Amino acid sequence: MPESKLLMDIGDRLRAQREKMGLTQKQTARLLGISETYYGEIERGNRKLSIERILLARQHLKLDPTYLITGEHNSNQLIERLLKECPRGKEDLVIQLLHYLALLYR
């Protein structure tokens, strides 16, 4: 994949998460420790995101680095996150449902 396409895709995923969280570019730039102008350039695919900023995006924007870079979800991390969001005491039910779904699609 050409670098420009990769940078644009990363910028699109950052923008989508920022909007999902109801944040402005200014607020997001502050969370990542960069200027609003530089952040805007990242969203437009004109600038690169450093490893340090990727880790800050993980921490503050709840963006999995693998997803941010590749667009692919790490299914184990996704399942863990969903289980954490379950109402207390319902985790076993969700695990059973996942098990039954997996059996259906073998």
Protein backbone atom coordinates (compact mmCIF):
# COMPACT_ATOMS: atom_id res chain seq x y z
CA MET A 1 0.00 0.00 0.00
CA PRO A 2 1.43 3.43 -0.89
CA GLU A 3 2.43 5.49 2.12
CA SER A 4 0.02 8.30 1.23
CA LYS A 5 -2.94 5.87 1.25
CA LEU A 6 -1.79 4.45 4.58
CA LEU A 7 -1.51 7.92 6.11
CA MET A 8 -4.94 8.90 4.79
CA ASP A 9 -6.48 5.73 6.23
CA ILE A 10 -4.87 6.38 9.63
CA GLY A 11 -6.16 9.94 9.53
CA ASP A 12 -9.66 8.72 8.68
CA ARG A 13 -9.66 6.28 11.60
CA LEU A 14 -8.43 8.97 13.98
CA ARG A 15 -11.11 11.39 12.78
CA ALA A 16 -13.85 8.78 13.12
CA GLN A 17 -12.84 7.97 16.70
CA ARG A 18 -12.46 11.64 17.62
CA GLU A 19 -15.94 12.40 16.29
CA LYS A 20 -17.37 9.30 18.00
CA MET A 21 -15.98 10.61 21.28
CA GLY A 22 -17.35 14.11 20.63
CA LEU A 23 -13.91 15.73 20.66
CA THR A 24 -12.66 18.67 18.64
CA GLN A 25 -9.37 18.61 16.77
CA LYS A 26 -8.02 21.04 19.37
CA GLN A 27 -8.98 18.76 22.27
CA THR A 28 -7.56 15.71 20.53
CA ALA A 29 -4.30 17.50 19.69
CA ARG A 30 -3.95 18.46 23.34
CA LEU A 31 -4.46 14.82 24.40
CA LEU A 32 -1.77 13.73 21.96
CA GLY A 33 0.61 16.53 22.95
CA ILE A 34 0.81 18.14 19.52
CA SER A 35 -0.41 21.36 17.91
CA GLU A 36 -3.89 21.58 16.44
CA THR A 37 -2.35 22.38 13.05
CA TYR A 38 -0.15 19.29 13.12
CA TYR A 39 -3.08 17.14 14.23
CA GLY A 40 -5.19 18.45 11.35
CA GLU A 41 -2.40 17.46 8.96
CA ILE A 42 -2.42 13.94 10.43
CA GLU A 43 -6.17 13.63 9.88
CA ARG A 44 -5.71 14.76 6.26
CA GLY A 45 -2.99 12.15 5.74
CA ASN A 46 -0.20 14.70 5.26
CA ARG A 47 1.79 13.92 8.42
CA LYS A 48 2.90 10.81 10.26
CA LEU A 49 1.96 9.79 13.76
CA SER A 50 4.90 8.87 16.01
CA ILE A 51 4.91 5.70 18.12
CA GLU A 52 4.53 7.88 21.20
CA ARG A 53 1.41 9.50 19.72
CA ILE A 54 -0.01 6.12 18.70
CA LEU A 55 0.32 4.98 22.31
CA LEU A 56 -1.33 8.20 23.52
CA ALA A 57 -4.17 7.57 21.04
CA ARG A 58 -4.55 4.14 22.57
CA GLN A 59 -4.68 5.60 26.07
CA HIS A 60 -6.86 8.67 25.48
CA LEU A 61 -8.92 7.73 22.42
CA LYS A 62 -9.25 4.00 23.16
CA LEU A 63 -7.83 3.20 19.71
CA ASP A 64 -6.11 -0.15 19.33
CA PRO A 65 -2.75 0.48 17.60
CA THR A 66 -3.27 -2.49 15.25
CA TYR A 67 -6.64 -1.12 14.18
CA LEU A 68 -5.29 2.43 13.87
CA ILE A 69 -2.49 1.31 11.54
CA THR A 70 -4.08 -1.57 9.61
CA GLY A 71 -7.81 -1.10 10.00
CA GLU A 72 -8.10 -4.65 11.31
CA HIS A 73 -9.48 -5.45 14.73
CA ASN A 74 -7.63 -7.74 17.10
CA SER A 75 -10.51 -10.07 17.95
CA ASN A 76 -9.09 -11.03 21.36
CA GLN A 77 -8.82 -7.40 22.43
CA LEU A 78 -12.27 -6.68 21.04
CA ILE A 79 -13.80 -9.57 23.02
CA GLU A 80 -11.97 -8.48 26.19
CA ARG A 81 -13.26 -4.92 25.79
CA LEU A 82 -16.82 -6.12 25.21
CA LEU A 83 -16.66 -8.35 28.28
CA LYS A 84 -15.48 -5.40 30.38
CA GLU A 85 -18.49 -3.42 29.16
CA CYS A 86 -20.94 -6.18 30.13
CA PRO A 87 -23.21 -5.67 33.09
CA ARG A 88 -21.75 -7.24 36.21
CA GLY A 89 -22.50 -10.95 36.42
CA LYS A 90 -23.40 -11.31 32.71
CA GLU A 91 -19.92 -12.12 31.42
CA ASP A 92 -20.48 -15.90 31.50
CA LEU A 93 -23.69 -15.53 29.50
CA VAL A 94 -21.87 -13.52 26.83
CA ILE A 95 -19.08 -16.12 26.67
CA GLN A 96 -21.67 -18.89 26.26
CA LEU A 97 -23.37 -16.96 23.47
CA LEU A 98 -20.04 -16.49 21.67
CA HIS A 99 -19.34 -20.20 22.05
CA TYR A 100 -22.72 -21.14 20.54
CA LEU A 101 -22.26 -18.68 17.68
CA ALA A 102 -18.84 -20.16 16.92
CA LEU A 103 -20.41 -23.64 16.82
CA LEU A 104 -23.09 -22.45 14.40
CA TYR A 105 -20.54 -21.11 11.94
CA ARG A 106 -18.14 -24.08 11.83
